[in-house]
């Protein structure tokens, strides 16, 4: 699992006109999942299931 920043640089994630993160393959907005035991949150595509870590 790579970070959202690396995903943006590699082209796996894009931003739409409202600056929301979208999956480049599915063109769907990424969903956020917060795990209280981990630092940051997990951004996942609802269609293909690919996940990226978002550190703050």
PDB file of N, CA and C in Angstrom:
ATOM      1  N   UNK A   1       0.860  -1.164   0.000  1.00  0.00           N
ATOM      2  CA  UNK A   1       0.000   0.000   0.000  1.00  0.00           C
ATOM      3  C   UNK A   1       0.909   1.230   0.000  1.00  0.00           C
ATOM      4  N   UNK A   2       0.718   2.078  -0.965  1.00  0.00           N
ATOM      5  CA  UNK A   2       1.521   3.300  -1.037  1.00  0.00           C
ATOM      6  C   UNK A   2       0.692   4.491  -0.574  1.00  0.00           C
ATOM      7  N   UNK A   3       1.342   5.609  -0.416  1.00  0.00           N
ATOM      8  CA  UNK A   3       0.650   6.800   0.062  1.00  0.00           C
ATOM      9  C   UNK A   3      -0.116   7.477  -1.078  1.00  0.00           C
ATOM     10  N   UNK A   4      -1.063   8.332  -0.711  1.00  0.00           N
ATOM     11  CA  UNK A   4      -1.843   9.048  -1.720  1.00  0.00           C
ATOM     12  C   UNK A   4      -0.952   9.986  -2.520  1.00  0.00           C
ATOM     13  N   UNK A   5       0.060  10.529  -1.896  1.00  0.00           N
ATOM     14  CA  UNK A   5       0.982  11.426  -2.606  1.00  0.00           C
ATOM     15  C   UNK A   5       1.739  10.683  -3.697  1.00  0.00           C
ATOM     16  N   UNK A   6       2.198   9.458  -3.393  1.00  0.00           N
ATOM     17  CA  UNK A   6       2.881   8.651  -4.407  1.00  0.00           C
ATOM     18  C   UNK A   6       1.911   8.226  -5.504  1.00  0.00           C
ATOM     19  N   UNK A   7       0.660   7.948  -5.130  1.00  0.00           N
ATOM     20  CA  UNK A   7      -0.355   7.583  -6.107  1.00  0.00           C
ATOM     21  C   UNK A   7      -0.659   8.714  -7.066  1.00  0.00           C
ATOM     22  N   UNK A   8      -0.674   9.951  -6.552  1.00  0.00           N
ATOM     23  CA  UNK A   8      -0.886  11.115  -7.410  1.00  0.00           C
ATOM     24  C   UNK A   8       0.273  11.290  -8.381  1.00  0.00           C
ATOM     25  N   UNK A   9       1.510  11.103  -7.885  1.00  0.00           N
ATOM     26  CA  UNK A   9       2.686  11.263  -8.747  1.00  0.00           C
ATOM     27  C   UNK A   9       2.754  10.197  -9.831  1.00  0.00           C
ATOM     28  N   UNK A  10       2.361   8.965  -9.493  1.00  0.00           N
ATOM     29  CA  UNK A  10       2.454   7.872 -10.467  1.00  0.00           C
ATOM     30  C   UNK A  10       1.285   7.854 -11.454  1.00  0.00           C
ATOM     31  N   UNK A  11       0.215   8.572 -11.136  1.00  0.00           N
ATOM     32  CA  UNK A  11      -0.932   8.617 -12.040  1.00  0.00           C
ATOM     33  C   UNK A  11      -2.037   7.639 -11.694  1.00  0.00           C
ATOM     34  N   UNK A  12      -1.898   6.909 -10.581  1.00  0.00           N
ATOM     35  CA  UNK A  12      -2.931   5.960 -10.160  1.00  0.00           C
ATOM     36  C   UNK A  12      -4.134   6.681  -9.553  1.00  0.00           C
ATOM     37  N   UNK A  13      -3.902   7.892  -9.041  1.00  0.00           N
ATOM     38  CA  UNK A  13      -4.961   8.721  -8.458  1.00  0.00           C
ATOM     39  C   UNK A  13      -4.949  10.058  -9.186  1.00  0.00           C
ATOM     40  N   UNK A  14      -6.127  10.591  -9.437  1.00  0.00           N
ATOM     41  CA  UNK A  14      -6.243  11.921 -10.021  1.00  0.00           C
ATOM     42  C   UNK A  14      -7.158  12.764  -9.151  1.00  0.00           C
ATOM     43  N   UNK A  15      -7.178  14.054  -9.407  1.00  0.00           N
ATOM     44  CA  UNK A  15      -8.096  14.953  -8.710  1.00  0.00           C
ATOM     45  C   UNK A  15      -9.132  15.456  -9.703  1.00  0.00           C
ATOM     46  N   UNK A  16     -10.392  15.538  -9.246  1.00  0.00           N
ATOM     47  CA  UNK A  16     -11.435  16.055 -10.124  1.00  0.00           C
ATOM     48  C   UNK A  16     -11.501  17.576 -10.001  1.00  0.00           C
ATOM     49  N   UNK A  17     -12.491  18.193 -10.602  1.00  0.00           N
ATOM     50  CA  UNK A  17     -12.582  19.657 -10.616  1.00  0.00           C
ATOM     51  C   UNK A  17     -12.821  20.252  -9.233  1.00  0.00           C
ATOM     52  N   UNK A  18     -13.321  19.439  -8.302  1.00  0.00           N
ATOM     53  CA  UNK A  18     -13.556  19.905  -6.934  1.00  0.00           C
ATOM     54  C   UNK A  18     -12.457  19.463  -5.978  1.00  0.00           C
ATOM     55  N   UNK A  19     -11.302  19.044  -6.512  1.00  0.00           N
ATOM     56  CA  UNK A  19     -10.129  18.623  -5.758  1.00  0.00           C
ATOM     57  C   UNK A  19     -10.356  17.353  -4.941  1.00  0.00           C
ATOM     58  N   UNK A  20     -11.335  16.523  -5.326  1.00  0.00           N
ATOM     59  CA  UNK A  20     -11.538  15.232  -4.670  1.00  0.00           C
ATOM     60  C   UNK A  20     -10.632  14.210  -5.333  1.00  0.00           C
ATOM     61  N   UNK A  21     -10.132  13.261  -4.548  1.00  0.00           N
ATOM     62  CA  UNK A  21      -9.279  12.212  -5.088  1.00  0.00           C
ATOM     63  C   UNK A  21     -10.133  11.154  -5.771  1.00  0.00           C
ATOM     64  N   UNK A  22      -9.751  10.782  -6.997  1.00  0.00           N
ATOM     65  CA  UNK A  22     -10.478   9.765  -7.745  1.00  0.00           C
ATOM     66  C   UNK A  22      -9.508   8.700  -8.245  1.00  0.00           C
ATOM     67  N   UNK A  23      -9.996   7.481  -8.393  1.00  0.00           N
ATOM     68  CA  UNK A  23      -9.205   6.378  -8.934  1.00  0.00           C
ATOM     69  C   UNK A  23      -9.055   6.612 -10.436  1.00  0.00           C
ATOM     70  N   UNK A  24      -7.845   6.503 -10.951  1.00  0.00           N
ATOM     71  CA  UNK A  24      -7.604   6.752 -12.378  1.00  0.00           C
ATOM     72  C   UNK A  24      -8.205   5.651 -13.247  1.00  0.00           C
ATOM     73  N   UNK A  25      -8.279   4.416 -12.745  1.00  0.00           N
ATOM     74  CA  UNK A  25      -8.830   3.309 -13.531  1.00  0.00           C
ATOM     75  C   UNK A  25     -10.348   3.355 -13.585  1.00  0.00           C
ATOM     76  N   UNK A  26     -10.994   3.530 -12.433  1.00  0.00           N
ATOM     77  CA  UNK A  26     -12.458   3.425 -12.340  1.00  0.00           C
ATOM     78  C   UNK A  26     -13.179   4.770 -12.468  1.00  0.00           C
ATOM     79  N   UNK A  27     -12.460   5.860 -12.264  1.00  0.00           N
ATOM     80  CA  UNK A  27     -13.044   7.210 -12.276  1.00  0.00           C
ATOM     81  C   UNK A  27     -14.069   7.402 -11.153  1.00  0.00           C
ATOM     82  N   UNK A  28     -13.884   6.692 -10.027  1.00  0.00           N
ATOM     83  CA  UNK A  28     -14.769   6.814  -8.870  1.00  0.00           C
ATOM     84  C   UNK A  28     -14.049   7.569  -7.757  1.00  0.00           C
ATOM     85  N   UNK A  29     -14.810   8.323  -6.969  1.00  0.00           N
ATOM     86  CA  UNK A  29     -14.252   9.056  -5.834  1.00  0.00           C
ATOM     87  C   UNK A  29     -13.825   8.073  -4.749  1.00  0.00           C
ATOM     88  N   UNK A  30     -12.657   8.297  -4.171  1.00  0.00           N
ATOM     89  CA  UNK A  30     -12.141   7.412  -3.135  1.00  0.00           C
ATOM     90  C   UNK A  30     -12.898   7.614  -1.831  1.00  0.00           C
ATOM     91  N   UNK A  31     -13.155   6.526  -1.128  1.00  0.00           N
ATOM     92  CA  UNK A  31     -13.812   6.546   0.171  1.00  0.00           C
ATOM     93  C   UNK A  31     -12.753   6.546   1.260  1.00  0.00           C
ATOM     94  N   UNK A  32     -13.058   7.158   2.405  1.00  0.00           N
ATOM     95  CA  UNK A  32     -12.130   7.246   3.522  1.00  0.00           C
ATOM     96  C   UNK A  32     -12.533   6.280   4.618  1.00  0.00           C
ATOM     97  N   UNK A  33     -11.541   5.553   5.126  1.00  0.00           N
ATOM     98  CA  UNK A  33     -11.758   4.657   6.254  1.00  0.00           C
ATOM     99  C   UNK A  33     -10.746   5.013   7.330  1.00  0.00           C
ATOM    100  N   UNK A  34     -11.215   5.369   8.520  1.00  0.00           N
ATOM    101  CA  UNK A  34     -10.338   5.738   9.628  1.00  0.00           C
ATOM    102  C   UNK A  34     -10.223   4.577  10.599  1.00  0.00           C
ATOM    103  N   UNK A  35      -8.995   4.107  10.812  1.00  0.00           N
ATOM    104  CA  UNK A  35      -8.736   3.044  11.774  1.00  0.00           C
ATOM    105  C   UNK A  35      -8.110   3.690  13.005  1.00  0.00           C
ATOM    106  N   UNK A  36      -8.740   3.572  14.176  1.00  0.00           N
ATOM    107  CA  UNK A  36      -8.196   4.245  15.361  1.00  0.00           C
ATOM    108  C   UNK A  36      -6.846   3.698  15.805  1.00  0.00           C
ATOM    109  N   UNK A  37      -6.481   2.488  15.387  1.00  0.00           N
ATOM    110  CA  UNK A  37      -5.201   1.911  15.791  1.00  0.00           C
ATOM    111  C   UNK A  37      -4.044   2.321  14.891  1.00  0.00           C
ATOM    112  N   UNK A  38      -4.323   2.954  13.768  1.00  0.00           N
ATOM    113  CA  UNK A  38      -3.276   3.352  12.830  1.00  0.00           C
ATOM    114  C   UNK A  38      -3.190   4.867  12.710  1.00  0.00           C
ATOM    115  N   UNK A  39      -2.027   5.332  12.298  1.00  0.00           N
ATOM    116  CA  UNK A  39      -1.821   6.760  12.076  1.00  0.00           C
ATOM    117  C   UNK A  39      -2.344   7.107  10.688  1.00  0.00           C
ATOM    118  N   UNK A  40      -3.111   8.176  10.592  1.00  0.00           N
ATOM    119  CA  UNK A  40      -3.663   8.584   9.298  1.00  0.00           C
ATOM    120  C   UNK A  40      -4.929   7.828   8.975  1.00  0.00           C
ATOM    121  N   UNK A  41      -5.290   7.832   7.701  1.00  0.00           N
ATOM    122  CA  UNK A  41      -6.501   7.146   7.265  1.00  0.00           C
ATOM    123  C   UNK A  41      -6.206   6.383   5.978  1.00  0.00           C
ATOM    124  N   UNK A  42      -7.124   5.496   5.622  1.00  0.00           N
ATOM    125  CA  UNK A  42      -6.987   4.684   4.426  1.00  0.00           C
ATOM    126  C   UNK A  42      -7.992   5.189   3.397  1.00  0.00           C
ATOM    127  N   UNK A  43      -7.527   5.471   2.180  1.00  0.00           N
ATOM    128  CA  UNK A  43      -8.396   5.881   1.078  1.00  0.00           C
ATOM    129  C   UNK A  43      -8.521   4.690   0.147  1.00  0.00           C
ATOM    130  N   UNK A  44      -9.756   4.279  -0.159  1.00  0.00           N
ATOM    131  CA  UNK A  44      -9.977   3.080  -0.969  1.00  0.00           C
ATOM    132  C   UNK A  44     -10.970   3.368  -2.085  1.00  0.00           C
ATOM    133  N   UNK A  45     -10.763   2.718  -3.219  1.00  0.00           N
ATOM    134  CA  UNK A  45     -11.684   2.803  -4.345  1.00  0.00           C
ATOM    135  C   UNK A  45     -12.829   1.822  -4.096  1.00  0.00           C
ATOM    136  N   UNK A  46     -14.079   2.261  -4.213  1.00  0.00           N
ATOM    137  CA  UNK A  46     -15.195   1.353  -3.951  1.00  0.00           C
ATOM    138  C   UNK A  46     -15.361   0.263  -5.012  1.00  0.00           C
ATOM    139  N   UNK A  47     -14.877   0.473  -6.227  1.00  0.00           N
ATOM    140  CA  UNK A  47     -15.043  -0.521  -7.292  1.00  0.00           C
ATOM    141  C   UNK A  47     -13.920  -1.556  -7.311  1.00  0.00           C
ATOM    142  N   UNK A  48     -12.681  -1.101  -7.466  1.00  0.00           N
ATOM    143  CA  UNK A  48     -11.578  -2.050  -7.631  1.00  0.00           C
ATOM    144  C   UNK A  48     -10.930  -2.455  -6.302  1.00  0.00           C
ATOM    145  N   UNK A  49     -11.168  -1.712  -5.217  1.00  0.00           N
ATOM    146  CA  UNK A  49     -10.652  -2.080  -3.908  1.00  0.00           C
ATOM    147  C   UNK A  49      -9.209  -1.685  -3.647  1.00  0.00           C
ATOM    148  N   UNK A  50      -8.579  -0.963  -4.547  1.00  0.00           N
ATOM    149  CA  UNK A  50      -7.212  -0.513  -4.338  1.00  0.00           C
ATOM    150  C   UNK A  50      -7.184   0.495  -3.202  1.00  0.00           C
ATOM    151  N   UNK A  51      -6.162   0.381  -2.319  1.00  0.00           N
ATOM    152  CA  UNK A  51      -6.084   1.243  -1.139  1.00  0.00           C
ATOM    153  C   UNK A  51      -4.799   2.051  -1.136  1.00  0.00           C
ATOM    154  N   UNK A  52      -4.885   3.259  -0.586  1.00  0.00           N
ATOM    155  CA  UNK A  52      -3.750   4.148  -0.404  1.00  0.00           C
ATOM    156  C   UNK A  52      -3.805   4.693   1.017  1.00  0.00           C
ATOM    157  N   UNK A  53      -2.646   4.914   1.605  1.00  0.00           N
ATOM    158  CA  UNK A  53      -2.550   5.467   2.951  1.00  0.00           C
ATOM    159  C   UNK A  53      -2.432   6.981   2.860  1.00  0.00           C
ATOM    160  N   UNK A  54      -3.213   7.673   3.662  1.00  0.00           N
ATOM    161  CA  UNK A  54      -3.165   9.131   3.704  1.00  0.00           C
ATOM    162  C   UNK A  54      -2.624   9.562   5.050  1.00  0.00           C
ATOM    163  N   UNK A  55      -1.413  10.113   5.029  1.00  0.00           N
ATOM    164  CA  UNK A  55      -0.789  10.589   6.259  1.00  0.00           C
ATOM    165  C   UNK A  55      -1.042  12.076   6.412  1.00  0.00           C
ATOM    166  N   UNK A  56      -1.224  12.503   7.629  1.00  0.00           N
ATOM    167  CA  UNK A  56      -1.474  13.923   7.859  1.00  0.00           C
ATOM    168  C   UNK A  56      -0.440  14.530   8.718  1.00  0.00           C
TER     169      UNK A  56
END
